[in-house]
Amino acid sequence: MPNPVPAAVPGLPLARLHEIHDMLALALDATENPKGYPQPIREARSYMRSALRHTVKLMGAV
């Protein structure tokens, strides 16, 4: 029986993982501020760094 939920299909194409990696890196670059960050921005950047690490792990597993 085919899976009716496309998001649940295992795996992503490597090109898509590279694209996600690049977007996360660009988002971190765009929010960089040498004067420091307010708490909400620190949290958001932390989540982006975590997502970036997970993406790198997934790319290594492919």
Protein backbone atom coordinates (compact mmCIF):
# COMPACT_ATOMS: atom_id res chain seq x y z
CA MET A 1 0.00 0.00 0.00
CA PRO A 2 1.56 3.36 -0.99
CA ASN A 3 2.09 5.98 1.66
CA PRO A 4 -0.53 8.75 1.26
CA VAL A 5 1.63 11.30 3.13
CA PRO A 6 4.49 12.48 0.86
CA ALA A 7 6.33 14.08 3.81
CA ALA A 8 6.62 10.65 5.42
CA VAL A 9 8.55 9.19 2.50
CA PRO A 10 11.97 8.22 3.90
CA GLY A 11 14.97 10.25 2.86
CA LEU A 12 15.54 13.48 1.00
CA PRO A 13 17.52 13.96 -2.18
CA LEU A 14 21.07 15.08 -1.40
CA ALA A 15 20.60 18.22 -3.50
CA ARG A 16 17.67 19.22 -1.26
CA LEU A 17 19.78 18.72 1.87
CA HIS A 18 22.51 20.93 0.40
CA GLU A 19 19.89 23.58 -0.37
CA ILE A 20 18.56 23.47 3.20
CA HIS A 21 22.13 23.69 4.53
CA ASP A 22 22.85 26.75 2.39
CA MET A 23 19.63 28.50 3.44
CA LEU A 24 20.37 27.94 7.13
CA ALA A 25 23.93 29.21 6.72
CA LEU A 26 22.67 32.31 4.87
CA ALA A 27 20.07 32.96 7.59
CA LEU A 28 22.79 32.83 10.24
CA ASP A 29 24.97 35.18 8.20
CA ALA A 30 22.08 37.60 7.66
CA THR A 31 21.34 37.83 11.37
CA GLU A 32 24.95 38.24 12.48
CA ASN A 33 25.48 41.29 14.67
CA PRO A 34 28.85 42.17 16.27
CA LYS A 35 27.06 44.17 19.01
CA GLY A 36 25.25 41.14 20.43
CA TYR A 37 21.71 39.81 20.27
CA PRO A 38 18.50 40.15 22.24
CA GLN A 39 17.24 36.92 23.81
CA PRO A 40 14.71 35.98 21.07
CA ILE A 41 17.36 36.33 18.35
CA ARG A 42 19.87 34.26 20.39
CA GLU A 43 17.26 31.52 20.68
CA ALA A 44 16.39 31.65 16.97
CA ARG A 45 20.08 31.48 16.00
CA SER A 46 20.54 28.54 18.37
CA TYR A 47 17.71 26.67 16.63
CA MET A 48 19.22 27.47 13.23
CA ARG A 49 22.65 26.19 14.32
CA SER A 50 21.04 23.01 15.63
CA ALA A 51 19.14 22.50 12.36
CA LEU A 52 22.38 23.13 10.46
CA ARG A 53 24.20 20.45 12.50
CA HIS A 54 21.39 17.95 11.90
CA THR A 55 21.44 18.71 8.18
CA VAL A 56 25.19 18.11 8.04
CA LYS A 57 24.70 14.76 9.82
CA LEU A 58 22.00 13.78 7.32
CA MET A 59 24.21 14.75 4.39
CA GLY A 60 26.99 12.58 5.79
CA ALA A 61 24.62 9.64 6.15
CA VAL A 62 23.55 9.78 2.50
